[in-house]
Amino acid sequence: MKIIILNQKGGAGKSTISTNMAYCLAMSGKKTLLIDMDPQAHSSVIFCTDIPRDQTVNELLSSKSFKIDNVIRQAVLGENEEPVENLFIIPSNIHLAITAEQITTKIHREKLLHNHLKKIEKDYDFIIIDCPPTVNVLTINAIYTSDMILIPTIYGRYSLDGIADLFRSIEDVKESSDFKYMILRNARDSRNKLSNVFVEEQLEPYRKNLLKTVIRRNEAINQAQMNNEPVMVFDPRSYGAEDFKELTEEILRYGN
């Protein structure tokens, strides 16, 4: 299953969700490939101690003949580069923004990533794609190849603004209104009762597409990100680790 983490708003936690979910899936025994499609490369720095310029997702988008195996690398953690079992990554870097500009005029540019993934997708149980916070040619490539779209939303006044536009963009790329998506509520703070009630009311029309798991606001998640670690590694007893474990279990049930 190819799952993309998508929201055209920044600050929704896409990279945090991508890295932690990919790690938890791998720890569940599922062979997982994480693809960083964001030039900011926030997912890449968690699992790559160095990112050579010529071994990133850029190469896949720049050349149809490039061998995808040449950019897939074992995920590692820490300065000692401890391998993460079952987890692999195609990293990104800042040069991806330039690549995105260069491919906008290519024919069938929305299929570039998809055509590469067709060669190896059966080798993995899950492919997780971290998208940039804009609907551009990079995002369109991710949407085109996706089996399921995971949309994170935070508990804020404007968290759902633009979701109708996002759905229209997905429909245009998929050329269908029949696509699978789930909404993940992220960074919930139980102290903000009025805000929580407001957001839950706004989400009511999407109730059947809401994941049951809610990621609570938790300092361990922030600290783990600053330490370039999944929260399950940084503090396996934290609420953050507990929530991502629950999310992974729900995704596994959904996948079955």
C-alpha atoms as a PDB file:
ATOM      1  CA  MET A   1       0.000   0.000   0.000  1.00  0.00           C
ATOM      2  CA  LYS A   2       1.292   3.434  -0.992  1.00  0.00           C
ATOM      3  CA  ILE A   3       0.222   6.046   1.565  1.00  0.00           C
ATOM      4  CA  ILE A   4       0.957   9.722   1.077  1.00  0.00           C
ATOM      5  CA  ILE A   5       0.921  12.234   3.934  1.00  0.00           C
ATOM      6  CA  LEU A   6      -0.666  15.340   2.465  1.00  0.00           C
ATOM      7  CA  ASN A   7      -1.886  18.737   3.596  1.00  0.00           C
ATOM      8  CA  GLN A   8      -1.286  21.974   1.733  1.00  0.00           C
ATOM      9  CA  LYS A   9      -0.936  23.807   5.046  1.00  0.00           C
ATOM     10  CA  GLY A  10       2.397  23.948   6.824  1.00  0.00           C
ATOM     11  CA  GLY A  11       2.613  22.951  10.475  1.00  0.00           C
ATOM     12  CA  ALA A  12       0.230  20.006  10.264  1.00  0.00           C
ATOM     13  CA  GLY A  13       2.980  17.550  11.241  1.00  0.00           C
ATOM     14  CA  LYS A  14       3.408  15.709   7.944  1.00  0.00           C
ATOM     15  CA  SER A  15       7.086  14.838   8.368  1.00  0.00           C
ATOM     16  CA  THR A  16       6.690  13.878  12.028  1.00  0.00           C
ATOM     17  CA  ILE A  17       3.813  11.580  11.136  1.00  0.00           C
ATOM     18  CA  SER A  18       5.643  10.141   8.104  1.00  0.00           C
ATOM     19  CA  THR A  19       8.816   9.261  10.002  1.00  0.00           C
ATOM     20  CA  ASN A  20       7.157   7.893  13.114  1.00  0.00           C
ATOM     21  CA  MET A  21       4.565   5.876  11.221  1.00  0.00           C
ATOM     22  CA  ALA A  22       7.199   4.443   8.866  1.00  0.00           C
ATOM     23  CA  TYR A  23       9.366   3.467  11.828  1.00  0.00           C
ATOM     24  CA  CYS A  24       6.476   1.825  13.674  1.00  0.00           C
ATOM     25  CA  LEU A  25       5.404  -0.104  10.571  1.00  0.00           C
ATOM     26  CA  ALA A  26       8.960  -1.388  10.190  1.00  0.00           C
ATOM     27  CA  MET A  27       9.069  -2.383  13.861  1.00  0.00           C
ATOM     28  CA  SER A  28       5.823  -4.289  13.260  1.00  0.00           C
ATOM     29  CA  GLY A  29       7.680  -6.478  10.785  1.00  0.00           C
ATOM     30  CA  LYS A  30       6.448  -4.712   7.646  1.00  0.00           C
ATOM     31  CA  LYS A  31       9.042  -3.948   5.002  1.00  0.00           C
ATOM     32  CA  THR A  32       8.602  -0.216   4.567  1.00  0.00           C
ATOM     33  CA  LEU A  33       9.960   2.378   2.135  1.00  0.00           C
ATOM     34  CA  LEU A  34       9.835   6.052   3.131  1.00  0.00           C
ATOM     35  CA  ILE A  35      10.058   8.567   0.281  1.00  0.00           C
ATOM     36  CA  ASP A  36      10.808  12.201   1.082  1.00  0.00           C
ATOM     37  CA  MET A  37       9.188  14.423  -1.558  1.00  0.00           C
ATOM     38  CA  ASP A  38       9.761  17.651   0.376  1.00  0.00           C
ATOM     39  CA  PRO A  39      12.789  19.826  -0.511  1.00  0.00           C
ATOM     40  CA  GLN A  40      13.087  20.692   3.192  1.00  0.00           C
ATOM     41  CA  ALA A  41      14.119  17.040   3.713  1.00  0.00           C
ATOM     42  CA  HIS A  42      12.809  16.848   7.292  1.00  0.00           C
ATOM     43  CA  SER A  43      12.079  13.134   6.936  1.00  0.00           C
ATOM     44  CA  SER A  44      15.466  12.445   5.389  1.00  0.00           C
ATOM     45  CA  VAL A  45      17.544  13.837   8.249  1.00  0.00           C
ATOM     46  CA  ILE A  46      15.956  11.408  10.720  1.00  0.00           C
ATOM     47  CA  PHE A  47      17.150   8.310   8.887  1.00  0.00           C
ATOM     48  CA  CYS A  48      20.175   9.551   6.881  1.00  0.00           C
ATOM     49  CA  THR A  49      23.360  10.828   8.471  1.00  0.00           C
ATOM     50  CA  ASP A  50      24.458  12.222   5.110  1.00  0.00           C
ATOM     51  CA  ILE A  51      22.591  12.825   1.869  1.00  0.00           C
ATOM     52  CA  PRO A  52      24.746  12.770  -1.299  1.00  0.00           C
ATOM     53  CA  ARG A  53      23.418  15.212  -3.865  1.00  0.00           C
ATOM     54  CA  ASP A  54      23.192  12.582  -6.621  1.00  0.00           C
ATOM     55  CA  GLN A  55      21.415   9.879  -4.594  1.00  0.00           C
ATOM     56  CA  THR A  56      17.998  11.367  -3.885  1.00  0.00           C
ATOM     57  CA  VAL A  57      14.477  11.383  -5.275  1.00  0.00           C
ATOM     58  CA  ASN A  58      15.692  14.131  -7.649  1.00  0.00           C
ATOM     59  CA  GLU A  59      17.256  11.499  -9.885  1.00  0.00           C
ATOM     60  CA  LEU A  60      13.969   9.615 -10.258  1.00  0.00           C
ATOM     61  CA  LEU A  61      12.138  12.725 -11.368  1.00  0.00           C
ATOM     62  CA  SER A  62      14.929  13.861 -13.675  1.00  0.00           C
ATOM     63  CA  SER A  63      15.439  10.618 -15.602  1.00  0.00           C
ATOM     64  CA  LYS A  64      13.028   7.885 -16.694  1.00  0.00           C
ATOM     65  CA  SER A  65      15.913   5.462 -17.182  1.00  0.00           C
ATOM     66  CA  PHE A  66      17.523   5.983 -13.767  1.00  0.00           C
ATOM     67  CA  LYS A  67      17.612   2.757 -11.697  1.00  0.00           C
ATOM     68  CA  ILE A  68      15.528   3.286  -8.591  1.00  0.00           C
ATOM     69  CA  ASP A  69      17.594   0.780  -6.603  1.00  0.00           C
ATOM     70  CA  ASN A  70      20.484   3.258  -6.763  1.00  0.00           C
ATOM     71  CA  VAL A  71      18.651   5.757  -4.515  1.00  0.00           C
ATOM     72  CA  ILE A  72      17.066   3.349  -2.031  1.00  0.00           C
ATOM     73  CA  ARG A  73      19.146   3.158   1.121  1.00  0.00           C
ATOM     74  CA  GLN A  74      18.877   1.414   4.455  1.00  0.00           C
ATOM     75  CA  ALA A  75      17.473   3.718   7.139  1.00  0.00           C
ATOM     76  CA  VAL A  76      19.898   4.323   9.992  1.00  0.00           C
ATOM     77  CA  LEU A  77      19.775   6.091  13.348  1.00  0.00           C
ATOM     78  CA  GLY A  78      22.338   8.117  15.247  1.00  0.00           C
ATOM     79  CA  GLU A  79      25.992   8.922  14.704  1.00  0.00           C
ATOM     80  CA  ASN A  80      26.798   5.211  14.810  1.00  0.00           C
ATOM     81  CA  GLU A  81      24.418   4.685  11.864  1.00  0.00           C
ATOM     82  CA  GLU A  82      22.534   1.856  13.524  1.00  0.00           C
ATOM     83  CA  PRO A  83      20.493   0.128  10.759  1.00  0.00           C
ATOM     84  CA  VAL A  84      16.727   0.156  11.201  1.00  0.00           C
ATOM     85  CA  GLU A  85      15.410  -3.285  10.349  1.00  0.00           C
ATOM     86  CA  ASN A  86      12.748  -3.384   7.608  1.00  0.00           C
ATOM     87  CA  LEU A  87      13.001   0.359   6.929  1.00  0.00           C
ATOM     88  CA  PHE A  88      14.402   1.917   3.759  1.00  0.00           C
ATOM     89  CA  ILE A  89      14.381   5.481   2.486  1.00  0.00           C
ATOM     90  CA  ILE A  90      14.666   7.528  -0.681  1.00  0.00           C
ATOM     91  CA  PRO A  91      15.904  10.868   0.663  1.00  0.00           C
ATOM     92  CA  SER A  92      15.450  14.408  -0.568  1.00  0.00           C
ATOM     93  CA  ASN A  93      17.454  17.619  -0.420  1.00  0.00           C
ATOM     94  CA  ILE A  94      17.012  21.316  -1.138  1.00  0.00           C
ATOM     95  CA  HIS A  95      17.876  20.794  -4.819  1.00  0.00           C
ATOM     96  CA  LEU A  96      14.518  19.047  -5.273  1.00  0.00           C
ATOM     97  CA  ALA A  97      12.917  22.491  -5.539  1.00  0.00           C
ATOM     98  CA  ILE A  98      15.009  23.171  -8.657  1.00  0.00           C
ATOM     99  CA  THR A  99      14.135  19.765 -10.078  1.00  0.00           C
ATOM    100  CA  ALA A 100      10.442  20.526  -9.585  1.00  0.00           C
ATOM    101  CA  GLU A 101      10.767  23.650 -11.727  1.00  0.00           C
ATOM    102  CA  GLN A 102      12.619  21.751 -14.440  1.00  0.00           C
ATOM    103  CA  ILE A 103      10.054  18.970 -14.850  1.00  0.00           C
ATOM    104  CA  THR A 104       6.925  21.145 -15.019  1.00  0.00           C
ATOM    105  CA  THR A 105       7.076  21.147 -18.825  1.00  0.00           C
ATOM    106  CA  LYS A 106       7.661  17.406 -19.244  1.00  0.00           C
ATOM    107  CA  ILE A 107       5.005  15.243 -20.876  1.00  0.00           C
ATOM    108  CA  HIS A 108       3.268  12.931 -18.376  1.00  0.00           C
ATOM    109  CA  ARG A 109       5.185  14.637 -15.578  1.00  0.00           C
ATOM    110  CA  GLU A 110       2.611  13.422 -13.043  1.00  0.00           C
ATOM    111  CA  LYS A 111       3.632   9.791 -13.734  1.00  0.00           C
ATOM    112  CA  LEU A 112       7.380  10.110 -13.187  1.00  0.00           C
ATOM    113  CA  LEU A 113       7.438   8.724  -9.644  1.00  0.00           C
ATOM    114  CA  HIS A 114       4.713   6.180 -10.361  1.00  0.00           C
ATOM    115  CA  ASN A 115       6.602   4.638 -13.267  1.00  0.00           C
ATOM    116  CA  HIS A 116       9.692   4.153 -11.113  1.00  0.00           C
ATOM    117  CA  LEU A 117       7.740   2.699  -8.189  1.00  0.00           C
ATOM    118  CA  LYS A 118       6.039   0.127 -10.427  1.00  0.00           C
ATOM    119  CA  LYS A 119       9.410  -1.612 -10.682  1.00  0.00           C
ATOM    120  CA  ILE A 120       9.844  -2.171  -6.931  1.00  0.00           C
ATOM    121  CA  GLU A 121       6.513  -1.641  -5.145  1.00  0.00           C
ATOM    122  CA  LYS A 122       5.834  -5.363  -4.788  1.00  0.00           C
ATOM    123  CA  ASP A 123       9.018  -5.651  -2.728  1.00  0.00           C
ATOM    124  CA  TYR A 124       7.483  -3.583   0.087  1.00  0.00           C
ATOM    125  CA  ASP A 125       4.474  -3.933   2.354  1.00  0.00           C
ATOM    126  CA  PHE A 126       4.131  -0.167   2.722  1.00  0.00           C
ATOM    127  CA  ILE A 127       5.463   2.852   0.866  1.00  0.00           C
ATOM    128  CA  ILE A 128       5.061   6.089   2.823  1.00  0.00           C
ATOM    129  CA  ILE A 129       5.460   9.379   0.946  1.00  0.00           C
ATOM    130  CA  ASP A 130       6.029  12.660   2.784  1.00  0.00           C
ATOM    131  CA  CYS A 131       4.693  15.525   0.638  1.00  0.00           C
ATOM    132  CA  PRO A 132       5.596  19.230   0.588  1.00  0.00           C
ATOM    133  CA  PRO A 133       3.066  21.735   2.027  1.00  0.00           C
ATOM    134  CA  THR A 134       1.948  22.890  -1.419  1.00  0.00           C
ATOM    135  CA  VAL A 135       0.123  21.294  -4.329  1.00  0.00           C
ATOM    136  CA  ASN A 136       2.884  21.381  -6.921  1.00  0.00           C
ATOM    137  CA  VAL A 137       4.362  18.903  -9.397  1.00  0.00           C
ATOM    138  CA  LEU A 138       5.999  16.966  -6.542  1.00  0.00           C
ATOM    139  CA  THR A 139       2.696  16.595  -4.725  1.00  0.00           C
ATOM    140  CA  ILE A 140       0.927  15.692  -7.957  1.00  0.00           C
ATOM    141  CA  ASN A 141       3.397  12.836  -8.519  1.00  0.00           C
ATOM    142  CA  ALA A 142       2.647  11.547  -5.021  1.00  0.00           C
ATOM    143  CA  ILE A 143      -1.115  11.841  -5.465  1.00  0.00           C
ATOM    144  CA  TYR A 144      -1.025  10.046  -8.808  1.00  0.00           C
ATOM    145  CA  THR A 145       0.762   6.980  -7.436  1.00  0.00           C
ATOM    146  CA  SER A 146      -1.045   6.817  -4.086  1.00  0.00           C
ATOM    147  CA  ASP A 147      -3.371   4.069  -2.903  1.00  0.00           C
ATOM    148  CA  MET A 148      -4.472   6.046   0.149  1.00  0.00           C
ATOM    149  CA  ILE A 149      -4.148   9.680   1.196  1.00  0.00           C
ATOM    150  CA  LEU A 150      -3.594  10.495   4.854  1.00  0.00           C
ATOM    151  CA  ILE A 151      -4.514  14.100   5.691  1.00  0.00           C
ATOM    152  CA  PRO A 152      -3.276  15.350   9.065  1.00  0.00           C
ATOM    153  CA  THR A 153      -5.099  18.246  10.683  1.00  0.00           C
ATOM    154  CA  ILE A 154      -4.298  20.102  13.868  1.00  0.00           C
ATOM    155  CA  TYR A 155      -6.665  21.614  16.428  1.00  0.00           C
ATOM    156  CA  GLY A 156      -6.659  25.187  15.158  1.00  0.00           C
ATOM    157  CA  ARG A 157      -9.214  27.688  13.865  1.00  0.00           C
ATOM    158  CA  TYR A 158      -8.034  27.467  10.256  1.00  0.00           C
ATOM    159  CA  SER A 159      -6.914  23.846  10.219  1.00  0.00           C
ATOM    160  CA  LEU A 160      -9.552  22.738   7.709  1.00  0.00           C
ATOM    161  CA  ASP A 161      -9.442  25.802   5.461  1.00  0.00           C
ATOM    162  CA  GLY A 162      -8.621  24.751   1.937  1.00  0.00           C
ATOM    163  CA  ILE A 163      -9.581  21.093   2.349  1.00  0.00           C
ATOM    164  CA  ALA A 164     -12.271  21.430  -0.359  1.00  0.00           C
ATOM    165  CA  ASP A 165      -9.638  22.827  -2.729  1.00  0.00           C
ATOM    166  CA  LEU A 166      -7.343  19.960  -1.775  1.00  0.00           C
ATOM    167  CA  PHE A 167     -10.034  17.422  -2.664  1.00  0.00           C
ATOM    168  CA  ARG A 168     -10.587  19.101  -6.031  1.00  0.00           C
ATOM    169  CA  SER A 169      -6.849  18.892  -6.741  1.00  0.00           C
ATOM    170  CA  ILE A 170      -6.860  15.192  -5.863  1.00  0.00           C
ATOM    171  CA  GLU A 171      -9.864  14.583  -8.110  1.00  0.00           C
ATOM    172  CA  ASP A 172      -8.125  16.358 -10.993  1.00  0.00           C
ATOM    173  CA  VAL A 173      -4.983  14.236 -10.616  1.00  0.00           C
ATOM    174  CA  LYS A 174      -6.838  10.967 -10.051  1.00  0.00           C
ATOM    175  CA  GLU A 175      -9.425  11.886 -12.716  1.00  0.00           C
ATOM    176  CA  SER A 176     -12.018  10.500 -10.314  1.00  0.00           C
ATOM    177  CA  SER A 177     -13.886  11.475  -7.167  1.00  0.00           C
ATOM    178  CA  ASP A 178     -13.529   7.899  -5.921  1.00  0.00           C
ATOM    179  CA  PHE A 179     -10.276   7.946  -3.978  1.00  0.00           C
ATOM    180  CA  LYS A 180      -9.363   6.644  -0.554  1.00  0.00           C
ATOM    181  CA  TYR A 181      -8.465   9.135   2.132  1.00  0.00           C
ATOM    182  CA  MET A 182      -8.349   9.292   5.896  1.00  0.00           C
ATOM    183  CA  ILE A 183      -8.034  12.294   8.203  1.00  0.00           C
ATOM    184  CA  LEU A 184      -5.708  12.130  11.194  1.00  0.00           C
ATOM    185  CA  ARG A 185      -6.253  14.508  14.116  1.00  0.00           C
ATOM    186  CA  ASN A 186      -2.881  15.702  15.338  1.00  0.00           C
ATOM    187  CA  ALA A 187      -1.509  17.692  18.294  1.00  0.00           C
ATOM    188  CA  ARG A 188      -4.650  17.545  20.424  1.00  0.00           C
ATOM    189  CA  ASP A 189      -4.324  19.342  23.762  1.00  0.00           C
ATOM    190  CA  SER A 190      -6.990  18.206  26.236  1.00  0.00           C
ATOM    191  CA  ARG A 191      -6.755  21.556  28.039  1.00  0.00           C
ATOM    192  CA  ASN A 192      -8.100  23.456  25.017  1.00  0.00           C
ATOM    193  CA  LYS A 193     -11.653  22.208  25.377  1.00  0.00           C
ATOM    194  CA  LEU A 194     -13.437  24.900  23.382  1.00  0.00           C
ATOM    195  CA  SER A 195     -10.995  24.640  20.476  1.00  0.00           C
ATOM    196  CA  ASN A 196     -11.294  20.860  20.500  1.00  0.00           C
ATOM    197  CA  VAL A 197     -15.082  21.008  20.375  1.00  0.00           C
ATOM    198  CA  PHE A 198     -14.956  23.519  17.510  1.00  0.00           C
ATOM    199  CA  VAL A 199     -12.618  21.378  15.409  1.00  0.00           C
ATOM    200  CA  GLU A 200     -14.596  18.200  16.066  1.00  0.00           C
ATOM    201  CA  GLU A 201     -17.740  19.992  14.844  1.00  0.00           C
ATOM    202  CA  GLN A 202     -15.918  21.094  11.700  1.00  0.00           C
ATOM    203  CA  LEU A 203     -14.829  17.499  11.097  1.00  0.00           C
ATOM    204  CA  GLU A 204     -18.335  16.084  11.398  1.00  0.00           C
ATOM    205  CA  PRO A 205     -18.961  15.941   7.602  1.00  0.00           C
ATOM    206  CA  TYR A 206     -15.838  13.748   7.292  1.00  0.00           C
ATOM    207  CA  ARG A 207     -16.683  11.460  10.209  1.00  0.00           C
ATOM    208  CA  LYS A 208     -16.576   8.228   8.176  1.00  0.00           C
ATOM    209  CA  ASN A 209     -13.069   9.119   7.006  1.00  0.00           C
ATOM    210  CA  LEU A 210     -11.686  10.003  10.434  1.00  0.00           C
ATOM    211  CA  LEU A 211      -9.075   7.705  11.905  1.00  0.00           C
ATOM    212  CA  LYS A 212      -9.980   6.715  15.455  1.00  0.00           C
ATOM    213  CA  THR A 213      -6.440   7.429  16.614  1.00  0.00           C
ATOM    214  CA  VAL A 214      -5.748  10.970  17.823  1.00  0.00           C
ATOM    215  CA  ILE A 215      -2.142  12.096  18.231  1.00  0.00           C
ATOM    216  CA  ARG A 216      -1.929  14.049  21.471  1.00  0.00           C
ATOM    217  CA  ARG A 217       0.312  17.068  21.882  1.00  0.00           C
ATOM    218  CA  ASN A 218       3.337  15.663  23.648  1.00  0.00           C
ATOM    219  CA  GLU A 219       6.731  17.177  24.388  1.00  0.00           C
ATOM    220  CA  ALA A 220       8.453  13.845  23.756  1.00  0.00           C
ATOM    221  CA  ILE A 221       7.471  14.113  20.080  1.00  0.00           C
ATOM    222  CA  ASN A 222       9.089  17.550  19.798  1.00  0.00           C
ATOM    223  CA  GLN A 223      12.203  16.470  21.673  1.00  0.00           C
ATOM    224  CA  ALA A 224      12.527  13.336  19.538  1.00  0.00           C
ATOM    225  CA  GLN A 225      12.375  15.416  16.373  1.00  0.00           C
ATOM    226  CA  MET A 226      15.111  17.738  17.642  1.00  0.00           C
ATOM    227  CA  ASN A 227      17.240  14.681  18.432  1.00  0.00           C
ATOM    228  CA  ASN A 228      16.603  13.231  14.948  1.00  0.00           C
ATOM    229  CA  GLU A 229      14.896  10.167  16.393  1.00  0.00           C
ATOM    230  CA  PRO A 230      11.468   8.556  16.193  1.00  0.00           C
ATOM    231  CA  VAL A 231       9.564   9.080  19.424  1.00  0.00           C
ATOM    232  CA  MET A 232       9.534   5.294  19.979  1.00  0.00           C
ATOM    233  CA  VAL A 233      13.330   5.474  20.248  1.00  0.00           C
ATOM    234  CA  PHE A 234      13.549   8.721  22.203  1.00  0.00           C
ATOM    235  CA  ASP A 235      10.932   7.812  24.824  1.00  0.00           C
ATOM    236  CA  PRO A 236       9.087   4.520  24.243  1.00  0.00           C
ATOM    237  CA  ARG A 237       6.905   5.108  27.330  1.00  0.00           C
ATOM    238  CA  SER A 238       5.632   8.533  26.271  1.00  0.00           C
ATOM    239  CA  TYR A 239       2.120   9.396  25.161  1.00  0.00           C
ATOM    240  CA  GLY A 240       3.574  10.153  21.744  1.00  0.00           C
ATOM    241  CA  ALA A 241       4.997   6.652  21.387  1.00  0.00           C
ATOM    242  CA  GLU A 242       1.705   5.197  22.586  1.00  0.00           C
ATOM    243  CA  ASP A 243      -0.294   7.210  20.045  1.00  0.00           C
ATOM    244  CA  PHE A 244       1.914   6.315  17.091  1.00  0.00           C
ATOM    245  CA  LYS A 245       1.782   2.656  18.067  1.00  0.00           C
ATOM    246  CA  GLU A 246      -2.022   2.897  18.064  1.00  0.00           C
ATOM    247  CA  LEU A 247      -1.968   4.695  14.705  1.00  0.00           C
ATOM    248  CA  THR A 248       0.200   1.949  13.223  1.00  0.00           C
ATOM    249  CA  GLU A 249      -2.144  -0.747  14.463  1.00  0.00           C
ATOM    250  CA  GLU A 250      -5.076   1.078  12.895  1.00  0.00           C
ATOM    251  CA  ILE A 251      -3.246   1.474   9.575  1.00  0.00           C
ATOM    252  CA  LEU A 252      -2.401  -2.228   9.602  1.00  0.00           C
ATOM    253  CA  ARG A 253      -6.069  -3.105  10.140  1.00  0.00           C
ATOM    254  CA  TYR A 254      -7.037  -0.721   7.351  1.00  0.00           C
ATOM    255  CA  GLY A 255      -4.475  -2.306   5.043  1.00  0.00           C
ATOM    256  CA  ASN A 256      -5.901  -5.747   5.667  1.00  0.00           C
END
